[in-house]
Amino acid sequence: MISLLITGTDTGVGKTWVARALSHALVAAGRRVVAVKPVETGCGSERSHLEDGALLATATGQAEPRAALLRFAAPVAPALAAEREGETIDLDALVLRIEESSAGAEVLLMEGAGGLLAPITWEWTVVDLARPFGASVLLVAADRLGTINHVQLTLSALELAGLEVAGVVLTPPERPDDSTGTNAASIERLSGLERVLGLPRVDDPSGARDAIAPVAGWLDGPAR
C-alpha cells in the first residue's frame, strides 16, 4: 500500500481541498483510495457533511470512515482540544484505527491537522503518525508572499524527521499578491526539488482533477 501524508505550512492553506482533488484524480485512474483525517478539531456535537473527514470520504467514495477518527469541539491544536474535553489521545490506538480503516486500499491518504508540527499530543506530532506507515509527505502551502520561508522551514523539519518528500503543492490565495505565480519556481531553485506544482483557482476540487494529476505520479517515488 502507498501511504501519503498531506500536511501544510499552516492551517487554512488548502490541505483538505488538495486531498479531495488528489482523491478524485486517483479514483479516476482506477486506484483504490482511502482518505483519513485522523484528528479534526472545531467540530460540532453532531457530524456535518462539511467537516474535513466527511469531505474526504465523499471525494473517494469510501464506505468508511465517513468522518475524522477523532473529533473535538475546540478549534485549536488537537492536544489542547482533547485536553479541554478531558480526553487523552492514544497515538498507538490511533495508528491501529488508521490501519483498520485503510485495509484493502491501494493508496492511503492521511490529512494532518494544522501545520506539520502542530501537536497531536503533547509528546507527538503528525510526523509520528506518518512513520508507522512509511508515508511520504505532500506539503501544501498558499501561493502568496511569505510562503517561500514557510515551505523552506517545513522542508527542513521534514528532512530532520527523516521523512521522504513527495512534493509541494501551492494553492491559489483568494487575493493574489505580486508573488503569486512566482513562488513555485523560487522554491524549486532554493530547495532543489523538481516537484513543486502551482494549482489554478477552482471552486470544486473535482474540477482540478487534471491539474493535480502529476501529483498522482509522484506517489511512486520520493522527490529526493
C-alpha atoms as a PDB file:
ATOM      1  CA  MET A   1       0.000   0.000   0.000  1.00  0.00           C
ATOM      2  CA  ILE A   2       1.186   3.501  -0.838  1.00  0.00           C
ATOM      3  CA  SER A   3       0.845   5.894   2.093  1.00  0.00           C
ATOM      4  CA  LEU A   4       0.884   9.673   1.747  1.00  0.00           C
ATOM      5  CA  LEU A   5       0.679  12.263   4.492  1.00  0.00           C
ATOM      6  CA  ILE A   6      -0.815  15.553   3.333  1.00  0.00           C
ATOM      7  CA  THR A   7       0.353  18.324   5.617  1.00  0.00           C
ATOM      8  CA  GLY A   8       0.720  22.071   5.396  1.00  0.00           C
ATOM      9  CA  THR A   9       2.858  25.008   6.319  1.00  0.00           C
ATOM     10  CA  ASP A  10      -0.065  26.307   8.373  1.00  0.00           C
ATOM     11  CA  THR A  11      -3.769  25.879   8.931  1.00  0.00           C
ATOM     12  CA  GLY A  12      -6.068  27.189   6.213  1.00  0.00           C
ATOM     13  CA  VAL A  13      -3.679  26.642   3.296  1.00  0.00           C
ATOM     14  CA  GLY A  14      -5.916  24.170   1.438  1.00  0.00           C
ATOM     15  CA  LYS A  15      -4.873  20.718   2.674  1.00  0.00           C
ATOM     16  CA  THR A  16      -8.383  19.299   2.501  1.00  0.00           C
ATOM     17  CA  TRP A  17      -9.019  20.842  -0.914  1.00  0.00           C
ATOM     18  CA  VAL A  18      -5.797  19.305  -2.258  1.00  0.00           C
ATOM     19  CA  ALA A  19      -6.569  15.940  -0.641  1.00  0.00           C
ATOM     20  CA  ARG A  20     -10.006  15.945  -2.252  1.00  0.00           C
ATOM     21  CA  ALA A  21      -8.656  16.926  -5.682  1.00  0.00           C
ATOM     22  CA  LEU A  22      -5.982  14.233  -5.463  1.00  0.00           C
ATOM     23  CA  SER A  23      -8.581  11.682  -4.381  1.00  0.00           C
ATOM     24  CA  HIS A  24     -10.679  12.472  -7.451  1.00  0.00           C
ATOM     25  CA  ALA A  25      -7.613  12.077  -9.699  1.00  0.00           C
ATOM     26  CA  LEU A  26      -6.593   8.761  -8.148  1.00  0.00           C
ATOM     27  CA  VAL A  27     -10.099   7.313  -8.260  1.00  0.00           C
ATOM     28  CA  ALA A  28     -10.428   8.383 -11.904  1.00  0.00           C
ATOM     29  CA  ALA A  29      -7.198   6.499 -12.588  1.00  0.00           C
ATOM     30  CA  GLY A  30      -8.748   3.348 -11.157  1.00  0.00           C
ATOM     31  CA  ARG A  31      -6.883   3.249  -7.844  1.00  0.00           C
ATOM     32  CA  ARG A  32      -8.490   2.099  -4.601  1.00  0.00           C
ATOM     33  CA  VAL A  33      -8.140   5.052  -2.259  1.00  0.00           C
ATOM     34  CA  VAL A  34      -8.979   5.596   1.398  1.00  0.00           C
ATOM     35  CA  ALA A  35      -8.576   9.119   2.753  1.00  0.00           C
ATOM     36  CA  VAL A  36      -8.390   9.526   6.522  1.00  0.00           C
ATOM     37  CA  LYS A  37      -8.489  12.573   8.747  1.00  0.00           C
ATOM     38  CA  PRO A  38      -7.023  11.123  11.967  1.00  0.00           C
ATOM     39  CA  VAL A  39      -7.949  14.107  14.150  1.00  0.00           C
ATOM     40  CA  GLU A  40     -10.228  17.056  13.433  1.00  0.00           C
ATOM     41  CA  THR A  41     -10.948  19.983  15.721  1.00  0.00           C
ATOM     42  CA  GLY A  42     -13.623  22.653  15.554  1.00  0.00           C
ATOM     43  CA  CYS A  43     -16.359  20.025  15.184  1.00  0.00           C
ATOM     44  CA  GLY A  44     -19.960  20.356  16.353  1.00  0.00           C
ATOM     45  CA  SER A  45     -21.696  17.852  18.591  1.00  0.00           C
ATOM     46  CA  GLU A  46     -23.354  16.347  15.510  1.00  0.00           C
ATOM     47  CA  ARG A  47     -21.402  15.240  12.452  1.00  0.00           C
ATOM     48  CA  SER A  48     -21.549  17.571   9.470  1.00  0.00           C
ATOM     49  CA  HIS A  49     -21.043  16.771   5.794  1.00  0.00           C
ATOM     50  CA  LEU A  50     -18.864  19.892   5.663  1.00  0.00           C
ATOM     51  CA  GLU A  51     -16.264  18.571   8.102  1.00  0.00           C
ATOM     52  CA  ASP A  52     -12.897  17.702   6.584  1.00  0.00           C
ATOM     53  CA  GLY A  53     -13.252  13.995   7.322  1.00  0.00           C
ATOM     54  CA  ALA A  54     -16.658  13.847   5.639  1.00  0.00           C
ATOM     55  CA  LEU A  55     -15.469  15.797   2.590  1.00  0.00           C
ATOM     56  CA  LEU A  56     -12.563  13.387   2.147  1.00  0.00           C
ATOM     57  CA  ALA A  57     -14.886  10.375   2.290  1.00  0.00           C
ATOM     58  CA  THR A  58     -17.163  11.896  -0.332  1.00  0.00           C
ATOM     59  CA  ALA A  59     -14.205  12.545  -2.644  1.00  0.00           C
ATOM     60  CA  THR A  60     -13.044   8.912  -2.563  1.00  0.00           C
ATOM     61  CA  GLY A  61     -16.469   7.322  -2.347  1.00  0.00           C
ATOM     62  CA  GLN A  62     -15.272   5.169   0.554  1.00  0.00           C
ATOM     63  CA  ALA A  63     -17.788   3.460   2.816  1.00  0.00           C
ATOM     64  CA  GLU A  64     -15.699   4.045   5.955  1.00  0.00           C
ATOM     65  CA  PRO A  65     -14.533   6.131   7.643  1.00  0.00           C
ATOM     66  CA  ARG A  66     -17.147   8.800   6.924  1.00  0.00           C
ATOM     67  CA  ALA A  67     -15.702  11.313   9.393  1.00  0.00           C
ATOM     68  CA  ALA A  68     -12.477  12.040  11.220  1.00  0.00           C
ATOM     69  CA  LEU A  69     -11.423   9.218  13.522  1.00  0.00           C
ATOM     70  CA  LEU A  70     -11.225  11.615  16.466  1.00  0.00           C
ATOM     71  CA  ARG A  71     -13.407  14.746  16.617  1.00  0.00           C
ATOM     72  CA  PHE A  72     -13.097  17.577  19.131  1.00  0.00           C
ATOM     73  CA  ALA A  73     -15.080  20.769  19.585  1.00  0.00           C
ATOM     74  CA  ALA A  74     -12.496  23.459  20.246  1.00  0.00           C
ATOM     75  CA  PRO A  75     -10.882  24.949  17.099  1.00  0.00           C
ATOM     76  CA  VAL A  76      -7.368  24.623  18.495  1.00  0.00           C
ATOM     77  CA  ALA A  77      -4.469  22.184  18.179  1.00  0.00           C
ATOM     78  CA  PRO A  78      -5.520  18.548  18.781  1.00  0.00           C
ATOM     79  CA  ALA A  79      -3.560  18.129  22.010  1.00  0.00           C
ATOM     80  CA  LEU A  80      -5.239  21.167  23.553  1.00  0.00           C
ATOM     81  CA  ALA A  81      -8.678  20.354  22.126  1.00  0.00           C
ATOM     82  CA  ALA A  82      -8.541  16.871  23.643  1.00  0.00           C
ATOM     83  CA  GLU A  83      -7.324  18.231  26.967  1.00  0.00           C
ATOM     84  CA  ARG A  84     -10.243  20.661  27.144  1.00  0.00           C
ATOM     85  CA  GLU A  85     -12.618  17.715  26.868  1.00  0.00           C
ATOM     86  CA  GLY A  86     -10.765  15.705  29.493  1.00  0.00           C
ATOM     87  CA  GLU A  87      -9.509  13.288  26.873  1.00  0.00           C
ATOM     88  CA  THR A  88      -6.048  11.901  26.123  1.00  0.00           C
ATOM     89  CA  ILE A  89      -5.171  10.894  22.580  1.00  0.00           C
ATOM     90  CA  ASP A  90      -3.540   7.460  22.460  1.00  0.00           C
ATOM     91  CA  LEU A  91      -1.200   7.566  19.465  1.00  0.00           C
ATOM     92  CA  ASP A  92      -0.808   3.782  19.206  1.00  0.00           C
ATOM     93  CA  ALA A  93      -4.575   3.298  19.254  1.00  0.00           C
ATOM     94  CA  LEU A  94      -4.966   5.986  16.597  1.00  0.00           C
ATOM     95  CA  VAL A  95      -2.406   4.271  14.361  1.00  0.00           C
ATOM     96  CA  LEU A  96      -4.305   0.998  14.766  1.00  0.00           C
ATOM     97  CA  ARG A  97      -7.559   2.681  13.755  1.00  0.00           C
ATOM     98  CA  ILE A  98      -5.905   4.093  10.642  1.00  0.00           C
ATOM     99  CA  GLU A  99      -4.575   0.639   9.762  1.00  0.00           C
ATOM    100  CA  GLU A 100      -8.035  -0.863  10.170  1.00  0.00           C
ATOM    101  CA  SER A 101      -9.647   1.926   8.136  1.00  0.00           C
ATOM    102  CA  SER A 102      -7.220   1.513   5.242  1.00  0.00           C
ATOM    103  CA  ALA A 103      -7.411  -2.288   4.978  1.00  0.00           C
ATOM    104  CA  GLY A 104      -7.700  -3.275   1.316  1.00  0.00           C
ATOM    105  CA  ALA A 105      -6.730   0.148  -0.019  1.00  0.00           C
ATOM    106  CA  GLU A 106      -4.105   0.642  -2.697  1.00  0.00           C
ATOM    107  CA  VAL A 107      -3.456   4.219  -1.596  1.00  0.00           C
ATOM    108  CA  LEU A 108      -3.844   5.658   1.900  1.00  0.00           C
ATOM    109  CA  LEU A 109      -4.118   9.427   2.160  1.00  0.00           C
ATOM    110  CA  MET A 110      -3.786  10.915   5.641  1.00  0.00           C
ATOM    111  CA  GLU A 111      -4.546  14.575   6.189  1.00  0.00           C
ATOM    112  CA  GLY A 112      -2.938  16.207   9.179  1.00  0.00           C
ATOM    113  CA  ALA A 113      -4.416  18.906  11.395  1.00  0.00           C
ATOM    114  CA  GLY A 114      -2.831  22.333  11.068  1.00  0.00           C
ATOM    115  CA  GLY A 115       0.838  22.528  10.167  1.00  0.00           C
ATOM    116  CA  LEU A 116       3.433  19.769  10.294  1.00  0.00           C
ATOM    117  CA  LEU A 117       4.438  20.269  13.927  1.00  0.00           C
ATOM    118  CA  ALA A 118       1.004  21.021  15.390  1.00  0.00           C
ATOM    119  CA  PRO A 119       0.795  18.708  18.422  1.00  0.00           C
ATOM    120  CA  ILE A 120      -1.416  15.632  18.154  1.00  0.00           C
ATOM    121  CA  THR A 121      -0.484  15.003  21.783  1.00  0.00           C
ATOM    122  CA  TRP A 122       1.937  16.954  23.946  1.00  0.00           C
ATOM    123  CA  GLU A 123       4.603  14.394  23.004  1.00  0.00           C
ATOM    124  CA  TRP A 124       3.779  13.616  19.369  1.00  0.00           C
ATOM    125  CA  THR A 125       3.032  15.396  16.093  1.00  0.00           C
ATOM    126  CA  VAL A 126       1.651  14.251  12.753  1.00  0.00           C
ATOM    127  CA  VAL A 127       5.234  13.250  11.912  1.00  0.00           C
ATOM    128  CA  ASP A 128       4.779  10.382  14.351  1.00  0.00           C
ATOM    129  CA  LEU A 129       1.603   9.286  12.559  1.00  0.00           C
ATOM    130  CA  ALA A 130       3.446   9.142   9.243  1.00  0.00           C
ATOM    131  CA  ARG A 131       6.320   6.958  10.440  1.00  0.00           C
ATOM    132  CA  PRO A 132       4.416   3.716  11.171  1.00  0.00           C
ATOM    133  CA  PHE A 133       3.077   3.719   7.607  1.00  0.00           C
ATOM    134  CA  GLY A 134       6.337   4.649   5.898  1.00  0.00           C
ATOM    135  CA  ALA A 135       4.398   7.564   4.444  1.00  0.00           C
ATOM    136  CA  SER A 136       5.943  10.120   2.162  1.00  0.00           C
ATOM    137  CA  VAL A 137       4.783  13.704   2.568  1.00  0.00           C
ATOM    138  CA  LEU A 138       2.946  16.083   0.279  1.00  0.00           C
ATOM    139  CA  LEU A 139       3.424  19.620   1.554  1.00  0.00           C
ATOM    140  CA  VAL A 140       0.653  22.129   0.862  1.00  0.00           C
ATOM    141  CA  ALA A 141       1.175  25.889   1.066  1.00  0.00           C
ATOM    142  CA  ALA A 142      -0.593  29.013  -0.146  1.00  0.00           C
ATOM    143  CA  ASP A 143       0.894  30.733  -3.208  1.00  0.00           C
ATOM    144  CA  ARG A 144       1.383  34.094  -1.543  1.00  0.00           C
ATOM    145  CA  LEU A 145       4.029  36.324  -0.013  1.00  0.00           C
ATOM    146  CA  GLY A 146       5.821  34.571   2.858  1.00  0.00           C
ATOM    147  CA  THR A 147       5.307  31.059   1.566  1.00  0.00           C
ATOM    148  CA  ILE A 148       8.933  30.604   0.482  1.00  0.00           C
ATOM    149  CA  ASN A 149      10.083  30.937   4.087  1.00  0.00           C
ATOM    150  CA  HIS A 150       7.274  28.727   5.399  1.00  0.00           C
ATOM    151  CA  VAL A 151       7.960  25.990   2.852  1.00  0.00           C
ATOM    152  CA  GLN A 152      11.703  26.060   3.435  1.00  0.00           C
ATOM    153  CA  LEU A 153      11.238  25.798   7.196  1.00  0.00           C
ATOM    154  CA  THR A 154       8.831  22.878   6.844  1.00  0.00           C
ATOM    155  CA  LEU A 155      11.095  21.087   4.367  1.00  0.00           C
ATOM    156  CA  SER A 156      13.935  21.457   6.884  1.00  0.00           C
ATOM    157  CA  ALA A 157      11.740  19.931   9.593  1.00  0.00           C
ATOM    158  CA  LEU A 158      10.828  17.039   7.281  1.00  0.00           C
ATOM    159  CA  GLU A 159      14.485  16.397   6.497  1.00  0.00           C
ATOM    160  CA  LEU A 160      15.327  16.443  10.203  1.00  0.00           C
ATOM    161  CA  ALA A 161      12.477  13.987  10.845  1.00  0.00           C
ATOM    162  CA  GLY A 162      13.770  11.677   8.114  1.00  0.00           C
ATOM    163  CA  LEU A 163      10.521  11.708   6.129  1.00  0.00           C
ATOM    164  CA  GLU A 164      10.539  11.494   2.340  1.00  0.00           C
ATOM    165  CA  VAL A 165       9.057  14.433   0.462  1.00  0.00           C
ATOM    166  CA  ALA A 166       6.716  13.508  -2.382  1.00  0.00           C
ATOM    167  CA  GLY A 167       6.447  17.132  -3.491  1.00  0.00           C
ATOM    168  CA  VAL A 168       4.999  20.569  -2.802  1.00  0.00           C
ATOM    169  CA  VAL A 169       1.629  21.885  -3.950  1.00  0.00           C
ATOM    170  CA  LEU A 170       0.823  25.594  -3.888  1.00  0.00           C
ATOM    171  CA  THR A 171      -2.813  26.632  -3.688  1.00  0.00           C
ATOM    172  CA  PRO A 172      -4.025  29.960  -5.111  1.00  0.00           C
ATOM    173  CA  PRO A 173      -4.967  32.528  -2.456  1.00  0.00           C
ATOM    174  CA  GLU A 174      -8.292  34.334  -2.517  1.00  0.00           C
ATOM    175  CA  ARG A 175      -6.391  37.582  -3.003  1.00  0.00           C
ATOM    176  CA  PRO A 176      -3.257  37.115  -5.152  1.00  0.00           C
ATOM    177  CA  ASP A 177      -0.245  39.319  -4.493  1.00  0.00           C
ATOM    178  CA  ASP A 178       2.876  40.139  -6.501  1.00  0.00           C
ATOM    179  CA  SER A 179       4.497  36.832  -5.513  1.00  0.00           C
ATOM    180  CA  THR A 180       1.589  34.627  -6.635  1.00  0.00           C
ATOM    181  CA  GLY A 181       2.687  32.553  -9.610  1.00  0.00           C
ATOM    182  CA  THR A 182       6.400  33.053  -8.889  1.00  0.00           C
ATOM    183  CA  ASN A 183       6.786  31.076  -5.675  1.00  0.00           C
ATOM    184  CA  ALA A 184       6.920  27.609  -7.244  1.00  0.00           C
ATOM    185  CA  ALA A 185       9.999  28.430  -9.314  1.00  0.00           C
ATOM    186  CA  SER A 186      11.648  30.123  -6.333  1.00  0.00           C
ATOM    187  CA  ILE A 187      11.044  27.115  -4.093  1.00  0.00           C
ATOM    188  CA  GLU A 188      12.422  24.760  -6.736  1.00  0.00           C
ATOM    189  CA  ARG A 189      15.534  26.925  -7.064  1.00  0.00           C
ATOM    190  CA  LEU A 190      16.141  27.160  -3.325  1.00  0.00           C
ATOM    191  CA  SER A 191      15.223  23.620  -2.276  1.00  0.00           C
ATOM    192  CA  GLY A 192      16.437  21.629  -5.265  1.00  0.00           C
ATOM    193  CA  LEU A 193      13.038  19.957  -5.507  1.00  0.00           C
ATOM    194  CA  GLU A 194      11.696  19.423  -9.000  1.00  0.00           C
ATOM    195  CA  ARG A 195       8.209  18.548  -7.821  1.00  0.00           C
ATOM    196  CA  VAL A 196       6.600  21.867  -6.989  1.00  0.00           C
ATOM    197  CA  LEU A 197       3.169  22.391  -8.510  1.00  0.00           C
ATOM    198  CA  GLY A 198       1.024  25.504  -8.517  1.00  0.00           C
ATOM    199  CA  LEU A 199      -2.690  24.863  -8.897  1.00  0.00           C
ATOM    200  CA  PRO A 200      -5.306  27.065 -10.586  1.00  0.00           C
ATOM    201  CA  ARG A 201      -8.179  28.509  -8.582  1.00  0.00           C
ATOM    202  CA  VAL A 202     -11.144  26.157  -8.952  1.00  0.00           C
ATOM    203  CA  ASP A 203     -14.139  26.139  -6.607  1.00  0.00           C
ATOM    204  CA  ASP A 204     -14.871  22.407  -6.885  1.00  0.00           C
ATOM    205  CA  PRO A 205     -11.877  20.119  -6.197  1.00  0.00           C
ATOM    206  CA  SER A 206     -13.193  17.620  -8.735  1.00  0.00           C
ATOM    207  CA  GLY A 207     -12.579  20.278 -11.374  1.00  0.00           C
ATOM    208  CA  ALA A 208      -8.863  20.282 -10.500  1.00  0.00           C
ATOM    209  CA  ARG A 209      -8.525  16.561 -11.223  1.00  0.00           C
ATOM    210  CA  ASP A 210      -6.448  17.093 -14.362  1.00  0.00           C
ATOM    211  CA  ALA A 211      -4.362  19.898 -12.869  1.00  0.00           C
ATOM    212  CA  ILE A 212      -3.347  17.778  -9.891  1.00  0.00           C
ATOM    213  CA  ALA A 213      -2.816  14.583 -11.920  1.00  0.00           C
ATOM    214  CA  PRO A 214       1.006  14.992 -11.891  1.00  0.00           C
ATOM    215  CA  VAL A 215       0.925  14.529  -8.117  1.00  0.00           C
ATOM    216  CA  ALA A 216      -0.546  11.042  -8.576  1.00  0.00           C
ATOM    217  CA  GLY A 217       2.630  10.144 -10.440  1.00  0.00           C
ATOM    218  CA  TRP A 218       4.762  11.399  -7.574  1.00  0.00           C
ATOM    219  CA  LEU A 219       3.462   8.664  -5.283  1.00  0.00           C
ATOM    220  CA  ASP A 220       5.719   6.042  -6.807  1.00  0.00           C
ATOM    221  CA  GLY A 221       8.916   7.598  -5.509  1.00  0.00           C
ATOM    222  CA  PRO A 222      10.290  10.435  -3.326  1.00  0.00           C
ATOM    223  CA  ALA A 223      11.249  13.827  -4.701  1.00  0.00           C
ATOM    224  CA  ARG A 224      14.685  13.491  -3.139  1.00  0.00           C
END
